[in-house]
């Protein structure tokens, strides 16, 4: 009596694999159904993916550090010269002069006007007055001179004359005034005279008193 062994699992799997290989090749050779699944057909199918709503935009990141400054650019071309400006207005300065070359006799103990100049009031002026003094008494003589704005003294000085009857001294006075009748007056202790007397005035825009 024959004794058959039970086939092992490995053998069974090998036989099934050979069978499938043989029948599958024959099925492919005979032609698969036209409406059956194929690799090309499967590739054409697309899977629809559902996307959720877009999330909120995140916060803006921190500003990065400033970069290194680049090199200085080349110097540009010199522009054309501008047009010449208009000539400005003439300034407020004006000059005024009054001279008395002839000799004027000076009475002892009395104020005698030797030269005077009229200036328009309400402006600012720098005034200089000068006169040359000579003795006529034959004795020593002191002559005092005063620069006046109308009747108000604005400057003064004196000169000592020797006993000789010659023109020996010159008195020069300078002052600031706002105009009016400007005059130079002299008063000697004894008889004398004045000549080449002159008053010069310059009108200025403003006076800065210090």
Protein backbone atom coordinates (compact mmCIF):
# COMPACT_ATOMS: atom_id res chain seq x y z
CA UNK A 1 0.00 0.00 0.00
CA UNK A 2 1.37 3.30 -1.12
CA UNK A 3 2.05 5.98 1.50
CA UNK A 4 1.52 9.54 0.11
CA UNK A 5 3.13 12.43 1.92
CA UNK A 6 1.21 15.59 2.45
CA UNK A 7 2.70 18.40 0.21
CA UNK A 8 4.48 21.13 2.08
CA UNK A 9 3.10 24.73 1.99
CA UNK A 10 6.09 25.91 0.00
CA UNK A 11 5.40 23.39 -2.71
CA UNK A 12 1.74 24.37 -2.90
CA UNK A 13 2.61 28.06 -3.28
CA UNK A 14 5.15 27.29 -6.01
CA UNK A 15 2.60 25.26 -8.03
CA UNK A 16 0.00 28.03 -7.74
CA UNK A 17 2.53 30.60 -8.92
CA UNK A 18 3.43 28.52 -12.00
CA UNK A 19 -0.26 28.15 -12.84
CA UNK A 20 -1.01 31.83 -12.56
CA UNK A 21 1.99 32.70 -14.72
CA UNK A 22 0.90 30.31 -17.43
CA UNK A 23 -2.75 31.31 -17.53
CA UNK A 24 -2.07 35.03 -17.17
CA UNK A 25 0.23 35.08 -20.20
CA UNK A 26 -2.35 33.22 -22.28
CA UNK A 27 -5.07 35.66 -21.23
CA UNK A 28 -2.95 38.63 -22.19
CA UNK A 29 -2.14 37.08 -25.57
CA UNK A 30 -5.76 36.40 -26.36
CA UNK A 31 -6.68 40.06 -25.65
CA UNK A 32 -8.13 41.64 -22.61
CA UNK A 33 -11.66 43.17 -22.65
CA UNK A 34 -11.77 46.62 -24.17
CA UNK A 35 -13.61 48.01 -21.25
CA UNK A 36 -11.43 46.36 -18.68
CA UNK A 37 -8.96 48.18 -16.46
CA UNK A 38 -5.64 49.07 -18.04
CA UNK A 39 -2.54 50.95 -16.81
CA UNK A 40 -3.17 53.75 -19.31
CA UNK A 41 -6.76 54.11 -18.22
CA UNK A 42 -5.78 54.17 -14.61
CA UNK A 43 -3.22 56.88 -15.31
CA UNK A 44 -5.89 59.06 -16.88
CA UNK A 45 -8.02 59.03 -13.80
CA UNK A 46 -7.49 61.94 -11.48
CA UNK A 47 -8.14 61.92 -7.86
CA UNK A 48 -9.96 65.08 -6.66
CA UNK A 49 -8.39 66.54 -3.58
CA UNK A 50 -10.53 68.67 -1.35
CA UNK A 51 -8.73 71.79 -0.10
CA UNK A 52 -9.71 73.61 2.99
CA UNK A 53 -9.97 77.46 3.23
CA UNK A 54 -6.78 79.48 3.27
CA UNK A 55 -5.60 80.30 6.73
CA UNK A 56 -4.98 83.81 8.12
CA UNK A 57 -1.86 85.60 7.03
CA UNK A 58 0.84 85.50 9.63
CA UNK A 59 2.38 88.58 11.22
CA UNK A 60 5.06 90.49 9.38
CA UNK A 61 8.53 89.55 10.44
CA UNK A 62 10.98 91.93 12.11
CA UNK A 63 12.85 94.43 9.93
CA UNK A 64 16.28 93.23 9.10
CA UNK A 65 19.43 95.15 9.94
CA UNK A 66 20.46 97.98 7.60
CA UNK A 67 22.96 97.01 5.00
CA UNK A 68 26.40 98.50 4.63
CA UNK A 69 26.41 101.89 2.87
CA UNK A 70 27.52 101.72 -0.70
CA UNK A 71 30.40 103.75 -2.12
CA UNK A 72 29.84 107.42 -2.93
CA UNK A 73 28.75 108.13 -6.46
CA UNK A 74 30.74 110.14 -8.93
CA UNK A 75 30.55 113.94 -8.65
CA UNK A 76 28.01 115.51 -10.96
CA UNK A 77 28.74 118.12 -13.55
CA UNK A 78 28.85 121.77 -12.51
CA UNK A 79 25.59 123.52 -13.23
CA UNK A 80 25.36 126.66 -15.33
CA UNK A 81 25.90 130.05 -13.68
CA UNK A 82 22.78 131.79 -12.49
CA UNK A 83 21.52 135.03 -13.94
CA UNK A 84 22.86 138.30 -12.57
CA UNK A 85 20.59 139.75 -9.91
CA UNK A 86 18.97 143.13 -10.13
CA UNK A 87 20.86 146.17 -8.87
CA UNK A 88 19.88 147.00 -5.32
CA UNK A 89 18.41 150.28 -4.23
CA UNK A 90 20.75 153.13 -3.34
CA UNK A 91 21.44 153.27 0.38
CA UNK A 92 20.27 156.11 2.64
CA UNK A 93 23.70 157.78 2.94
CA UNK A 94 24.00 161.38 1.70
CA UNK A 95 26.64 164.00 2.41
CA UNK A 96 26.21 167.71 3.21
CA UNK A 97 28.95 170.37 3.48
CA UNK A 98 28.98 174.06 4.40
CA UNK A 99 32.24 176.00 4.46
CA UNK A 100 33.22 179.56 5.41
CA UNK A 101 36.78 180.28 4.22
CA UNK A 102 36.82 183.98 5.12
CA UNK A 103 37.91 185.13 8.58
CA UNK A 104 35.25 185.92 11.16
CA UNK A 105 36.06 188.24 14.07
CA UNK A 106 35.47 186.84 17.58
CA UNK A 107 34.42 189.27 20.30
CA UNK A 108 35.84 188.62 23.77
CA UNK A 109 33.29 186.98 26.09
CA UNK A 110 30.61 186.52 23.39
CA UNK A 111 29.41 183.50 21.40
CA UNK A 112 29.96 184.08 17.69
CA UNK A 113 28.67 181.70 14.99
CA UNK A 114 31.46 181.02 12.51
CA UNK A 115 29.62 178.52 10.22
CA UNK A 116 26.20 176.83 10.10
CA UNK A 117 24.46 174.10 8.10
CA UNK A 118 20.75 173.35 7.76
CA UNK A 119 19.80 169.64 7.79
CA UNK A 120 16.36 168.12 7.24
CA UNK A 121 14.99 167.08 10.65
CA UNK A 122 13.89 163.53 11.38
CA UNK A 123 16.98 161.72 10.03
CA UNK A 124 20.24 160.55 11.54
CA UNK A 125 23.46 162.42 10.78
CA UNK A 126 27.12 162.27 11.73
CA UNK A 127 28.40 165.84 11.89
CA UNK A 128 32.00 167.13 11.96
CA UNK A 129 32.84 170.80 12.40
CA UNK A 130 36.27 172.45 12.28
CA UNK A 131 37.73 175.97 12.39
CA UNK A 132 41.18 177.55 12.41
CA UNK A 133 41.72 180.04 15.27
CA UNK A 134 44.02 183.05 15.40
CA UNK A 135 44.85 185.64 18.09
CA UNK A 136 44.34 189.38 17.50
CA UNK A 137 44.78 190.69 21.06
CA UNK A 138 48.55 190.30 21.40
CA UNK A 139 48.11 188.40 24.67
CA UNK A 140 47.51 184.77 25.52
CA UNK A 141 44.00 183.74 24.63
CA UNK A 142 41.70 180.76 25.35
CA UNK A 143 38.97 180.14 22.79
CA UNK A 144 36.05 177.79 23.56
CA UNK A 145 33.97 176.44 20.67
CA UNK A 146 30.58 174.67 20.79
CA UNK A 147 28.73 172.58 18.20
CA UNK A 148 24.97 173.12 18.46
CA UNK A 149 21.82 171.46 17.14
CA UNK A 150 19.49 174.44 17.00
CA UNK A 151 20.23 175.87 20.49
CA UNK A 152 21.29 172.58 22.10
CA UNK A 153 25.01 171.80 22.53
CA UNK A 154 26.03 168.46 21.05
CA UNK A 155 29.82 168.88 21.19
CA UNK A 156 32.51 171.22 22.46
CA UNK A 157 36.23 171.93 22.71
CA UNK A 158 38.79 174.68 23.31
CA UNK A 159 42.20 175.83 22.14
CA UNK A 160 44.89 177.96 23.78
CA UNK A 161 46.32 180.72 21.60
CA UNK A 162 49.77 182.23 22.23
CA UNK A 163 50.33 186.01 22.49
CA UNK A 164 51.39 186.12 18.84
CA UNK A 165 48.79 187.44 16.41
CA UNK A 166 48.81 184.36 14.15
CA UNK A 167 46.48 181.47 13.33
CA UNK A 168 47.97 178.87 15.62
CA UNK A 169 45.25 176.29 16.49
CA UNK A 170 42.47 174.24 14.84
CA UNK A 171 39.44 172.95 16.73
CA UNK A 172 37.59 169.90 15.34
CA UNK A 173 34.33 168.59 16.84
CA UNK A 174 32.24 165.51 15.91
CA UNK A 175 28.73 164.62 17.06
CA UNK A 176 25.52 162.78 16.10
CA UNK A 177 22.34 164.72 15.36
CA UNK A 178 18.81 164.25 14.06
CA UNK A 179 18.93 167.39 11.92
CA UNK A 180 17.90 171.02 12.17
CA UNK A 181 20.13 174.10 12.24
CA UNK A 182 23.68 172.92 13.00
CA UNK A 183 26.18 175.64 13.84
CA UNK A 184 29.67 176.09 15.25
CA UNK A 185 30.04 178.94 17.76
CA UNK A 186 33.27 180.20 19.39
CA UNK A 187 33.89 182.45 22.45
CA UNK A 188 37.40 183.83 23.22
CA UNK A 189 38.66 185.40 26.44
CA UNK A 190 40.18 188.23 24.39
CA UNK A 191 39.76 189.31 20.79
CA UNK A 192 40.46 186.59 18.19
CA UNK A 193 39.28 185.40 14.81
CA UNK A 194 38.32 182.18 12.98
CA UNK A 195 38.80 181.19 9.37
CA UNK A 196 38.43 178.15 7.06
CA UNK A 197 35.42 177.04 9.09
CA UNK A 198 33.49 174.01 7.79
CA UNK A 199 30.66 171.66 8.80
CA UNK A 200 30.32 168.26 7.15
CA UNK A 201 27.30 166.01 7.73
CA UNK A 202 26.61 162.43 6.54
CA UNK A 203 23.10 161.01 6.74
CA UNK A 204 23.03 157.38 7.87
CA UNK A 205 20.35 154.72 8.12
CA UNK A 206 20.70 154.07 11.84
CA UNK A 207 22.80 155.18 14.76
CA UNK A 208 24.17 152.57 17.18
CA UNK A 209 25.00 154.30 20.44
CA UNK A 210 27.51 152.54 22.70
